[in-house]
Amino acid sequence: TLKNGFRWIRYRVEFDNGVGVGSLD
């Protein structure tokens, strides 16, 4: 749902179990 960063690209993902997690490598 979100892509962020320049040197380190990190992602926010909304998972099918209803949990959203950010700063994923």
mmCIF file of all heavy atoms, coordinates in Angstrom:
data_MODEL
# 
_entry.id   MODEL 
# 
loop_
_atom_site.group_PDB 
_atom_site.id 
_atom_site.type_symbol 
_atom_site.label_atom_id 
_atom_site.label_alt_id 
_atom_site.label_comp_id 
_atom_site.label_asym_id 
_atom_site.label_entity_id 
_atom_site.label_seq_id 
_atom_site.pdbx_PDB_ins_code 
_atom_site.Cartn_x 
_atom_site.Cartn_y 
_atom_site.Cartn_z 
_atom_site.occupancy 
_atom_site.B_iso_or_equiv 
_atom_site.pdbx_formal_charge 
_atom_site.auth_seq_id 
_atom_site.auth_comp_id 
_atom_site.auth_asym_id 
_atom_site.auth_atom_id 
_atom_site.pdbx_PDB_model_num 
ATOM 1   N N   . THR A 1 1  ? 0.811  -1.212  0.000  1.00 0.00 ? 1  THR A N   1 
ATOM 2   C CA  . THR A 1 1  ? 0.000  0.000   0.000  1.00 0.00 ? 1  THR A CA  1 
ATOM 3   C C   . THR A 1 1  ? 0.845  1.265   0.000  1.00 0.00 ? 1  THR A C   1 
ATOM 4   O O   . THR A 1 1  ? 0.330  2.345   -0.259 1.00 0.00 ? 1  THR A O   1 
ATOM 5   C CB  . THR A 1 1  ? -0.956 0.030   1.213  1.00 0.00 ? 1  THR A CB  1 
ATOM 6   O OG1 . THR A 1 1  ? -0.192 -0.050  2.415  1.00 0.00 ? 1  THR A OG1 1 
ATOM 7   C CG2 . THR A 1 1  ? -1.952 -1.108  1.142  1.00 0.00 ? 1  THR A CG2 1 
ATOM 8   N N   . LEU A 1 2  ? 2.152  1.138   0.309  1.00 0.00 ? 2  LEU A N   1 
ATOM 9   C CA  . LEU A 1 2  ? 3.031  2.295   0.335  1.00 0.00 ? 2  LEU A CA  1 
ATOM 10  C C   . LEU A 1 2  ? 4.457  1.869   0.051  1.00 0.00 ? 2  LEU A C   1 
ATOM 11  O O   . LEU A 1 2  ? 4.916  0.850   0.567  1.00 0.00 ? 2  LEU A O   1 
ATOM 12  C CB  . LEU A 1 2  ? 2.961  2.983   1.708  1.00 0.00 ? 2  LEU A CB  1 
ATOM 13  C CG  . LEU A 1 2  ? 3.865  4.186   1.922  1.00 0.00 ? 2  LEU A CG  1 
ATOM 14  C CD1 . LEU A 1 2  ? 3.378  5.366   1.090  1.00 0.00 ? 2  LEU A CD1 1 
ATOM 15  C CD2 . LEU A 1 2  ? 3.883  4.557   3.393  1.00 0.00 ? 2  LEU A CD2 1 
ATOM 16  N N   . LYS A 1 3  ? 5.136  2.650   -0.762 1.00 0.00 ? 3  LYS A N   1 
ATOM 17  C CA  . LYS A 1 3  ? 6.559  2.444   -1.050 1.00 0.00 ? 3  LYS A CA  1 
ATOM 18  C C   . LYS A 1 3  ? 7.247  3.746   -0.683 1.00 0.00 ? 3  LYS A C   1 
ATOM 19  O O   . LYS A 1 3  ? 6.821  4.822   -1.115 1.00 0.00 ? 3  LYS A O   1 
ATOM 20  C CB  . LYS A 1 3  ? 6.737  2.124   -2.533 1.00 0.00 ? 3  LYS A CB  1 
ATOM 21  C CG  . LYS A 1 3  ? 8.162  2.010   -2.976 1.00 0.00 ? 3  LYS A CG  1 
ATOM 22  C CD  . LYS A 1 3  ? 8.189  1.741   -4.472 1.00 0.00 ? 3  LYS A CD  1 
ATOM 23  C CE  . LYS A 1 3  ? 9.569  1.942   -5.022 1.00 0.00 ? 3  LYS A CE  1 
ATOM 24  N NZ  . LYS A 1 3  ? 9.602  1.799   -6.478 1.00 0.00 ? 3  LYS A NZ  1 
ATOM 25  N N   . ASN A 1 4  ? 8.322  3.666   0.127  1.00 0.00 ? 4  ASN A N   1 
ATOM 26  C CA  . ASN A 1 4  ? 8.929  4.871   0.658  1.00 0.00 ? 4  ASN A CA  1 
ATOM 27  C C   . ASN A 1 4  ? 10.441 4.713   0.748  1.00 0.00 ? 4  ASN A C   1 
ATOM 28  O O   . ASN A 1 4  ? 10.932 3.619   0.992  1.00 0.00 ? 4  ASN A O   1 
ATOM 29  C CB  . ASN A 1 4  ? 8.347  5.144   2.048  1.00 0.00 ? 4  ASN A CB  1 
ATOM 30  C CG  . ASN A 1 4  ? 8.667  6.512   2.554  1.00 0.00 ? 4  ASN A CG  1 
ATOM 31  O OD1 . ASN A 1 4  ? 9.152  7.357   1.829  1.00 0.00 ? 4  ASN A OD1 1 
ATOM 32  N ND2 . ASN A 1 4  ? 8.396  6.733   3.824  1.00 0.00 ? 4  ASN A ND2 1 
ATOM 33  N N   . GLY A 1 5  ? 11.164 5.798   0.566  1.00 0.00 ? 5  GLY A N   1 
ATOM 34  C CA  . GLY A 1 5  ? 12.598 5.788   0.787  1.00 0.00 ? 5  GLY A CA  1 
ATOM 35  C C   . GLY A 1 5  ? 13.403 6.060   -0.468 1.00 0.00 ? 5  GLY A C   1 
ATOM 36  O O   . GLY A 1 5  ? 12.902 5.979   -1.583 1.00 0.00 ? 5  GLY A O   1 
ATOM 37  N N   . PHE A 1 6  ? 14.680 6.401   -0.252 1.00 0.00 ? 6  PHE A N   1 
ATOM 38  C CA  . PHE A 1 6  ? 15.608 6.651   -1.348 1.00 0.00 ? 6  PHE A CA  1 
ATOM 39  C C   . PHE A 1 6  ? 16.708 5.602   -1.354 1.00 0.00 ? 6  PHE A C   1 
ATOM 40  O O   . PHE A 1 6  ? 16.827 4.824   -2.274 1.00 0.00 ? 6  PHE A O   1 
ATOM 41  C CB  . PHE A 1 6  ? 16.226 8.058   -1.227 1.00 0.00 ? 6  PHE A CB  1 
ATOM 42  C CG  . PHE A 1 6  ? 15.221 9.146   -1.406 1.00 0.00 ? 6  PHE A CG  1 
ATOM 43  C CD1 . PHE A 1 6  ? 14.747 9.861   -0.320 1.00 0.00 ? 6  PHE A CD1 1 
ATOM 44  C CD2 . PHE A 1 6  ? 14.725 9.454   -2.659 1.00 0.00 ? 6  PHE A CD2 1 
ATOM 45  C CE1 . PHE A 1 6  ? 13.819 10.868  -0.483 1.00 0.00 ? 6  PHE A CE1 1 
ATOM 46  C CE2 . PHE A 1 6  ? 13.791 10.463  -2.827 1.00 0.00 ? 6  PHE A CE2 1 
ATOM 47  C CZ  . PHE A 1 6  ? 13.337 11.171  -1.735 1.00 0.00 ? 6  PHE A CZ  1 
ATOM 48  N N   . ARG A 1 7  ? 17.515 5.602   -0.311 1.00 0.00 ? 7  ARG A N   1 
ATOM 49  C CA  . ARG A 1 7  ? 18.611 4.628   -0.238 1.00 0.00 ? 7  ARG A CA  1 
ATOM 50  C C   . ARG A 1 7  ? 18.120 3.274   0.246  1.00 0.00 ? 7  ARG A C   1 
ATOM 51  O O   . ARG A 1 7  ? 18.636 2.243   -0.152 1.00 0.00 ? 7  ARG A O   1 
ATOM 52  C CB  . ARG A 1 7  ? 19.701 5.146   0.686  1.00 0.00 ? 7  ARG A CB  1 
ATOM 53  C CG  . ARG A 1 7  ? 20.399 6.352   0.100  1.00 0.00 ? 7  ARG A CG  1 
ATOM 54  C CD  . ARG A 1 7  ? 21.391 6.929   1.056  1.00 0.00 ? 7  ARG A CD  1 
ATOM 55  N NE  . ARG A 1 7  ? 22.292 5.913   1.558  1.00 0.00 ? 7  ARG A NE  1 
ATOM 56  C CZ  . ARG A 1 7  ? 23.589 6.034   1.634  1.00 0.00 ? 7  ARG A CZ  1 
ATOM 57  N NH1 . ARG A 1 7  ? 24.158 7.138   1.234  1.00 0.00 ? 7  ARG A NH1 1 
ATOM 58  N NH2 . ARG A 1 7  ? 24.328 5.073   2.132  1.00 0.00 ? 7  ARG A NH2 1 
ATOM 59  N N   . TRP A 1 8  ? 17.167 3.275   1.146  1.00 0.00 ? 8  TRP A N   1 
ATOM 60  C CA  . TRP A 1 8  ? 16.575 2.036   1.635  1.00 0.00 ? 8  TRP A CA  1 
ATOM 61  C C   . TRP A 1 8  ? 15.087 2.096   1.326  1.00 0.00 ? 8  TRP A C   1 
ATOM 62  O O   . TRP A 1 8  ? 14.346 2.855   1.942  1.00 0.00 ? 8  TRP A O   1 
ATOM 63  C CB  . TRP A 1 8  ? 16.814 1.860   3.137  1.00 0.00 ? 8  TRP A CB  1 
ATOM 64  C CG  . TRP A 1 8  ? 16.075 0.699   3.726  1.00 0.00 ? 8  TRP A CG  1 
ATOM 65  C CD1 . TRP A 1 8  ? 15.928 -0.545  3.207  1.00 0.00 ? 8  TRP A CD1 1 
ATOM 66  C CD2 . TRP A 1 8  ? 15.347 0.684   4.960  1.00 0.00 ? 8  TRP A CD2 1 
ATOM 67  N NE1 . TRP A 1 8  ? 15.174 -1.342  4.028  1.00 0.00 ? 8  TRP A NE1 1 
ATOM 68  C CE2 . TRP A 1 8  ? 14.807 -0.607  5.121  1.00 0.00 ? 8  TRP A CE2 1 
ATOM 69  C CE3 . TRP A 1 8  ? 15.111 1.627   5.948  1.00 0.00 ? 8  TRP A CE3 1 
ATOM 70  C CZ2 . TRP A 1 8  ? 14.042 -0.975  6.222  1.00 0.00 ? 8  TRP A CZ2 1 
ATOM 71  C CZ3 . TRP A 1 8  ? 14.347 1.258   7.040  1.00 0.00 ? 8  TRP A CZ3 1 
ATOM 72  C CH2 . TRP A 1 8  ? 13.831 -0.039  7.170  1.00 0.00 ? 8  TRP A CH2 1 
ATOM 73  N N   . ILE A 1 9  ? 14.668 1.335   0.349  1.00 0.00 ? 9  ILE A N   1 
ATOM 74  C CA  . ILE A 1 9  ? 13.249 1.288   -0.016 1.00 0.00 ? 9  ILE A CA  1 
ATOM 75  C C   . ILE A 1 9  ? 12.547 0.389   0.991  1.00 0.00 ? 9  ILE A C   1 
ATOM 76  O O   . ILE A 1 9  ? 12.961 -0.741  1.239  1.00 0.00 ? 9  ILE A O   1 
ATOM 77  C CB  . ILE A 1 9  ? 13.052 0.736   -1.444 1.00 0.00 ? 9  ILE A CB  1 
ATOM 78  C CG1 . ILE A 1 9  ? 13.851 1.547   -2.455 1.00 0.00 ? 9  ILE A CG1 1 
ATOM 79  C CG2 . ILE A 1 9  ? 11.572 0.694   -1.805 1.00 0.00 ? 9  ILE A CG2 1 
ATOM 80  C CD1 . ILE A 1 9  ? 13.448 2.993   -2.575 1.00 0.00 ? 9  ILE A CD1 1 
ATOM 81  N N   . ARG A 1 10 ? 11.486 0.903   1.589  1.00 0.00 ? 10 ARG A N   1 
ATOM 82  C CA  . ARG A 1 10 ? 10.696 0.112   2.525  1.00 0.00 ? 10 ARG A CA  1 
ATOM 83  C C   . ARG A 1 10 ? 9.234  0.159   2.096  1.00 0.00 ? 10 ARG A C   1 
ATOM 84  O O   . ARG A 1 10 ? 8.818  1.066   1.391  1.00 0.00 ? 10 ARG A O   1 
ATOM 85  C CB  . ARG A 1 10 ? 10.885 0.568   3.960  1.00 0.00 ? 10 ARG A CB  1 
ATOM 86  C CG  . ARG A 1 10 ? 11.155 1.931   4.126  1.00 0.00 ? 10 ARG A CG  1 
ATOM 87  C CD  . ARG A 1 10 ? 11.754 2.371   5.446  1.00 0.00 ? 10 ARG A CD  1 
ATOM 88  N NE  . ARG A 1 10 ? 11.487 3.790   5.548  1.00 0.00 ? 10 ARG A NE  1 
ATOM 89  C CZ  . ARG A 1 10 ? 12.175 4.710   4.913  1.00 0.00 ? 10 ARG A CZ  1 
ATOM 90  N NH1 . ARG A 1 10 ? 13.163 4.380   4.143  1.00 0.00 ? 10 ARG A NH1 1 
ATOM 91  N NH2 . ARG A 1 10 ? 11.853 5.949   5.022  1.00 0.00 ? 10 ARG A NH2 1 
ATOM 92  N N   . TYR A 1 11 ? 8.508  -0.837  2.554  1.00 0.00 ? 11 TYR A N   1 
ATOM 93  C CA  . TYR A 1 11 ? 7.135  -1.022  2.100  1.00 0.00 ? 11 TYR A CA  1 
ATOM 94  C C   . TYR A 1 11 ? 6.183  -1.138  3.291  1.00 0.00 ? 11 TYR A C   1 
ATOM 95  O O   . TYR A 1 11 ? 6.557  -1.625  4.349  1.00 0.00 ? 11 TYR A O   1 
ATOM 96  C CB  . TYR A 1 11 ? 7.024  -2.303  1.267  1.00 0.00 ? 11 TYR A CB  1 
ATOM 97  C CG  . TYR A 1 11 ? 7.957  -2.312  0.086  1.00 0.00 ? 11 TYR A CG  1 
ATOM 98  C CD1 . TYR A 1 11 ? 9.218  -2.873  0.171  1.00 0.00 ? 11 TYR A CD1 1 
ATOM 99  C CD2 . TYR A 1 11 ? 7.569  -1.742  -1.118 1.00 0.00 ? 11 TYR A CD2 1 
ATOM 100 C CE1 . TYR A 1 11 ? 10.075 -2.875  -0.926 1.00 0.00 ? 11 TYR A CE1 1 
ATOM 101 C CE2 . TYR A 1 11 ? 8.420  -1.737  -2.216 1.00 0.00 ? 11 TYR A CE2 1 
ATOM 102 C CZ  . TYR A 1 11 ? 9.666  -2.304  -2.099 1.00 0.00 ? 11 TYR A CZ  1 
ATOM 103 O OH  . TYR A 1 11 ? 10.515 -2.291  -3.178 1.00 0.00 ? 11 TYR A OH  1 
ATOM 104 N N   . ARG A 1 12 ? 4.959  -0.702  3.066  1.00 0.00 ? 12 ARG A N   1 
ATOM 105 C CA  . ARG A 1 12 ? 3.865  -0.984  3.993  1.00 0.00 ? 12 ARG A CA  1 
ATOM 106 C C   . ARG A 1 12 ? 2.947  -1.946  3.258  1.00 0.00 ? 12 ARG A C   1 
ATOM 107 O O   . ARG A 1 12 ? 2.600  -1.733  2.092  1.00 0.00 ? 12 ARG A O   1 
ATOM 108 C CB  . ARG A 1 12 ? 3.091  0.266   4.381  1.00 0.00 ? 12 ARG A CB  1 
ATOM 109 C CG  . ARG A 1 12 ? 1.903  -0.064  5.278  1.00 0.00 ? 12 ARG A CG  1 
ATOM 110 C CD  . ARG A 1 12 ? 1.285  1.143   5.933  1.00 0.00 ? 12 ARG A CD  1 
ATOM 111 N NE  . ARG A 1 12 ? 0.198  0.737   6.797  1.00 0.00 ? 12 ARG A NE  1 
ATOM 112 C CZ  . ARG A 1 12 ? 0.328  0.259   8.019  1.00 0.00 ? 12 ARG A CZ  1 
ATOM 113 N NH1 . ARG A 1 12 ? 1.513  0.132   8.547  1.00 0.00 ? 12 ARG A NH1 1 
ATOM 114 N NH2 . ARG A 1 12 ? -0.729 -0.090  8.733  1.00 0.00 ? 12 ARG A NH2 1 
ATOM 115 N N   . VAL A 1 13 ? 2.573  -3.015  3.956  1.00 0.00 ? 13 VAL A N   1 
ATOM 116 C CA  . VAL A 1 13 ? 1.733  -4.048  3.353  1.00 0.00 ? 13 VAL A CA  1 
ATOM 117 C C   . VAL A 1 13 ? 0.523  -4.290  4.242  1.00 0.00 ? 13 VAL A C   1 
ATOM 118 O O   . VAL A 1 13 ? 0.642  -4.409  5.461  1.00 0.00 ? 13 VAL A O   1 
ATOM 119 C CB  . VAL A 1 13 ? 2.525  -5.367  3.163  1.00 0.00 ? 13 VAL A CB  1 
ATOM 120 C CG1 . VAL A 1 13 ? 1.629  -6.453  2.609  1.00 0.00 ? 13 VAL A CG1 1 
ATOM 121 C CG2 . VAL A 1 13 ? 3.721  -5.141  2.257  1.00 0.00 ? 13 VAL A CG2 1 
ATOM 122 N N   . GLU A 1 14 ? -0.635 -4.341  3.623  1.00 0.00 ? 14 GLU A N   1 
ATOM 123 C CA  . GLU A 1 14 ? -1.864 -4.748  4.298  1.00 0.00 ? 14 GLU A CA  1 
ATOM 124 C C   . GLU A 1 14 ? -2.060 -6.224  3.971  1.00 0.00 ? 14 GLU A C   1 
ATOM 125 O O   . GLU A 1 14 ? -2.247 -6.585  2.809  1.00 0.00 ? 14 GLU A O   1 
ATOM 126 C CB  . GLU A 1 14 ? -3.062 -3.920  3.819  1.00 0.00 ? 14 GLU A CB  1 
ATOM 127 C CG  . GLU A 1 14 ? -2.961 -2.444  4.127  1.00 0.00 ? 14 GLU A CG  1 
ATOM 128 C CD  . GLU A 1 14 ? -2.953 -2.127  5.613  1.00 0.00 ? 14 GLU A CD  1 
ATOM 129 O OE1 . GLU A 1 14 ? -3.614 -2.856  6.384  1.00 0.00 ? 14 GLU A OE1 1 
ATOM 130 O OE2 . GLU A 1 14 ? -2.279 -1.161  6.004  1.00 0.00 ? 14 GLU A OE2 1 
ATOM 131 N N   . PHE A 1 15 ? -1.972 -7.061  5.001  1.00 0.00 ? 15 PHE A N   1 
ATOM 132 C CA  . PHE A 1 15 ? -2.065 -8.503  4.802  1.00 0.00 ? 15 PHE A CA  1 
ATOM 133 C C   . PHE A 1 15 ? -3.500 -8.977  4.883  1.00 0.00 ? 15 PHE A C   1 
ATOM 134 O O   . PHE A 1 15 ? -4.362 -8.322  5.474  1.00 0.00 ? 15 PHE A O   1 
ATOM 135 C CB  . PHE A 1 15 ? -1.184 -9.228  5.830  1.00 0.00 ? 15 PHE A CB  1 
ATOM 136 C CG  . PHE A 1 15 ? 0.286  -9.063  5.558  1.00 0.00 ? 15 PHE A CG  1 
ATOM 137 C CD1 . PHE A 1 15 ? 1.012  -8.086  6.209  1.00 0.00 ? 15 PHE A CD1 1 
ATOM 138 C CD2 . PHE A 1 15 ? 0.932  -9.868  4.630  1.00 0.00 ? 15 PHE A CD2 1 
ATOM 139 C CE1 . PHE A 1 15 ? 2.363  -7.914  5.952  1.00 0.00 ? 15 PHE A CE1 1 
ATOM 140 C CE2 . PHE A 1 15 ? 2.279  -9.699  4.355  1.00 0.00 ? 15 PHE A CE2 1 
ATOM 141 C CZ  . PHE A 1 15 ? 2.994  -8.717  5.025  1.00 0.00 ? 15 PHE A CZ  1 
ATOM 142 N N   . ASP A 1 16 ? -3.755 -10.150 4.291  1.00 0.00 ? 16 ASP A N   1 
ATOM 143 C CA  . ASP A 1 16 ? -5.109 -10.709 4.230  1.00 0.00 ? 16 ASP A CA  1 
ATOM 144 C C   . ASP A 1 16 ? -5.682 -11.052 5.598  1.00 0.00 ? 16 ASP A C   1 
ATOM 145 O O   . ASP A 1 16 ? -6.891 -11.190 5.733  1.00 0.00 ? 16 ASP A O   1 
ATOM 146 C CB  . ASP A 1 16 ? -5.127 -11.955 3.339  1.00 0.00 ? 16 ASP A CB  1 
ATOM 147 C CG  . ASP A 1 16 ? -4.916 -11.625 1.870  1.00 0.00 ? 16 ASP A CG  1 
ATOM 148 O OD1 . ASP A 1 16 ? -4.885 -10.427 1.511  1.00 0.00 ? 16 ASP A OD1 1 
ATOM 149 O OD2 . ASP A 1 16 ? -4.774 -12.568 1.068  1.00 0.00 ? 16 ASP A OD2 1 
ATOM 150 N N   . ASN A 1 17 ? -4.828 -11.172 6.622  1.00 0.00 ? 17 ASN A N   1 
ATOM 151 C CA  . ASN A 1 17 ? -5.349 -11.464 7.966  1.00 0.00 ? 17 ASN A CA  1 
ATOM 152 C C   . ASN A 1 17 ? -5.741 -10.197 8.713  1.00 0.00 ? 17 ASN A C   1 
ATOM 153 O O   . ASN A 1 17 ? -6.039 -10.236 9.895  1.00 0.00 ? 17 ASN A O   1 
ATOM 154 C CB  . ASN A 1 17 ? -4.340 -12.283 8.773  1.00 0.00 ? 17 ASN A CB  1 
ATOM 155 C CG  . ASN A 1 17 ? -3.073 -11.524 9.094  1.00 0.00 ? 17 ASN A CG  1 
ATOM 156 O OD1 . ASN A 1 17 ? -2.842 -10.427 8.611  1.00 0.00 ? 17 ASN A OD1 1 
ATOM 157 N ND2 . ASN A 1 17 ? -2.233 -12.127 9.918  1.00 0.00 ? 17 ASN A ND2 1 
ATOM 158 N N   . GLY A 1 18 ? -5.736 -9.047  8.023  1.00 0.00 ? 18 GLY A N   1 
ATOM 159 C CA  . GLY A 1 18 ? -6.183 -7.792  8.616  1.00 0.00 ? 18 GLY A CA  1 
ATOM 160 C C   . GLY A 1 18 ? -5.095 -6.978  9.289  1.00 0.00 ? 18 GLY A C   1 
ATOM 161 O O   . GLY A 1 18 ? -5.370 -5.912  9.828  1.00 0.00 ? 18 GLY A O   1 
ATOM 162 N N   . VAL A 1 19 ? -3.869 -7.448  9.266  1.00 0.00 ? 19 VAL A N   1 
ATOM 163 C CA  . VAL A 1 19 ? -2.765 -6.747  9.905  1.00 0.00 ? 19 VAL A CA  1 
ATOM 164 C C   . VAL A 1 19 ? -2.003 -5.937  8.858  1.00 0.00 ? 19 VAL A C   1 
ATOM 165 O O   . VAL A 1 19 ? -1.705 -6.435  7.780  1.00 0.00 ? 19 VAL A O   1 
ATOM 166 C CB  . VAL A 1 19 ? -1.804 -7.748  10.596 1.00 0.00 ? 19 VAL A CB  1 
ATOM 167 C CG1 . VAL A 1 19 ? -0.611 -7.037  11.194 1.00 0.00 ? 19 VAL A CG1 1 
ATOM 168 C CG2 . VAL A 1 19 ? -2.553 -8.533  11.662 1.00 0.00 ? 19 VAL A CG2 1 
ATOM 169 N N   . GLY A 1 20 ? -1.690 -4.687  9.188  1.00 0.00 ? 20 GLY A N   1 
ATOM 170 C CA  . GLY A 1 20 ? -0.865 -3.845  8.338  1.00 0.00 ? 20 GLY A CA  1 
ATOM 171 C C   . GLY A 1 20 ? 0.497  -3.681  8.985  1.00 0.00 ? 20 GLY A C   1 
ATOM 172 O O   . GLY A 1 20 ? 0.590  -3.421  10.182 1.00 0.00 ? 20 GLY A O   1 
ATOM 173 N N   . VAL A 1 21 ? 1.551  -3.866  8.207  1.00 0.00 ? 21 VAL A N   1 
ATOM 174 C CA  . VAL A 1 21 ? 2.909  -3.756  8.731  1.00 0.00 ? 21 VAL A CA  1 
ATOM 175 C C   . VAL A 1 21 ? 3.695  -2.802  7.839  1.00 0.00 ? 21 VAL A C   1 
ATOM 176 O O   . VAL A 1 21 ? 3.669  -2.923  6.621  1.00 0.00 ? 21 VAL A O   1 
ATOM 177 C CB  . VAL A 1 21 ? 3.617  -5.128  8.772  1.00 0.00 ? 21 VAL A CB  1 
ATOM 178 C CG1 . VAL A 1 21 ? 5.010  -4.997  9.364  1.00 0.00 ? 21 VAL A CG1 1 
ATOM 179 C CG2 . VAL A 1 21 ? 2.803  -6.136  9.565  1.00 0.00 ? 21 VAL A CG2 1 
ATOM 180 N N   . GLY A 1 22 ? 4.408  -1.855  8.468  1.00 0.00 ? 22 GLY A N   1 
ATOM 181 C CA  . GLY A 1 22 ? 5.219  -0.898  7.729  1.00 0.00 ? 22 GLY A CA  1 
ATOM 182 C C   . GLY A 1 22 ? 6.701  -1.155  7.926  1.00 0.00 ? 22 GLY A C   1 
ATOM 183 O O   . GLY A 1 22 ? 7.107  -2.017  8.710  1.00 0.00 ? 22 GLY A O   1 
ATOM 184 N N   . SER A 1 23 ? 7.511  -0.400  7.215  1.00 0.00 ? 23 SER A N   1 
ATOM 185 C CA  . SER A 1 23 ? 8.973  -0.487  7.256  1.00 0.00 ? 23 SER A CA  1 
ATOM 186 C C   . SER A 1 23 ? 9.490  -1.887  6.941  1.00 0.00 ? 23 SER A C   1 
ATOM 187 O O   . SER A 1 23 ? 10.437 -2.369  7.565  1.00 0.00 ? 23 SER A O   1 
ATOM 188 C CB  . SER A 1 23 ? 9.509  -0.020  8.612  1.00 0.00 ? 23 SER A CB  1 
ATOM 189 O OG  . SER A 1 23 ? 9.250  1.348   8.790  1.00 0.00 ? 23 SER A OG  1 
ATOM 190 N N   . LEU A 1 24 ? 8.877  -2.533  5.974  1.00 0.00 ? 24 LEU A N   1 
ATOM 191 C CA  . LEU A 1 24 ? 9.320  -3.858  5.553  1.00 0.00 ? 24 LEU A CA  1 
ATOM 192 C C   . LEU A 1 24 ? 10.367 -3.740  4.459  1.00 0.00 ? 24 LEU A C   1 
ATOM 193 O O   . LEU A 1 24 ? 10.218 -2.954  3.518  1.00 0.00 ? 24 LEU A O   1 
ATOM 194 C CB  . LEU A 1 24 ? 8.144  -4.691  5.042  1.00 0.00 ? 24 LEU A CB  1 
ATOM 195 C CG  . LEU A 1 24 ? 7.102  -5.061  6.082  1.00 0.00 ? 24 LEU A CG  1 
ATOM 196 C CD1 . LEU A 1 24 ? 5.930  -5.756  5.417  1.00 0.00 ? 24 LEU A CD1 1 
ATOM 197 C CD2 . LEU A 1 24 ? 7.719  -5.933  7.153  1.00 0.00 ? 24 LEU A CD2 1 
ATOM 198 N N   . ASP A 1 25 ? 11.411 -4.513  4.583  1.00 0.00 ? 25 ASP A N   1 
ATOM 199 C CA  . ASP A 1 25 ? 12.464 -4.574  3.583  1.00 0.00 ? 25 ASP A CA  1 
ATOM 200 C C   . ASP A 1 25 ? 12.029 -5.534  2.476  1.00 0.00 ? 25 ASP A C   1 
ATOM 201 O O   . ASP A 1 25 ? 11.244 -6.459  2.707  1.00 0.00 ? 25 ASP A O   1 
ATOM 202 C CB  . ASP A 1 25 ? 13.748 -5.075  4.256  1.00 0.00 ? 25 ASP A CB  1 
ATOM 203 C CG  . ASP A 1 25 ? 14.930 -4.983  3.333  1.00 0.00 ? 25 ASP A CG  1 
ATOM 204 O OD1 . ASP A 1 25 ? 15.441 -3.870  3.157  1.00 0.00 ? 25 ASP A OD1 1 
ATOM 205 O OD2 . ASP A 1 25 ? 15.338 -6.031  2.795  1.00 0.00 ? 25 ASP A OD2 1 
# 
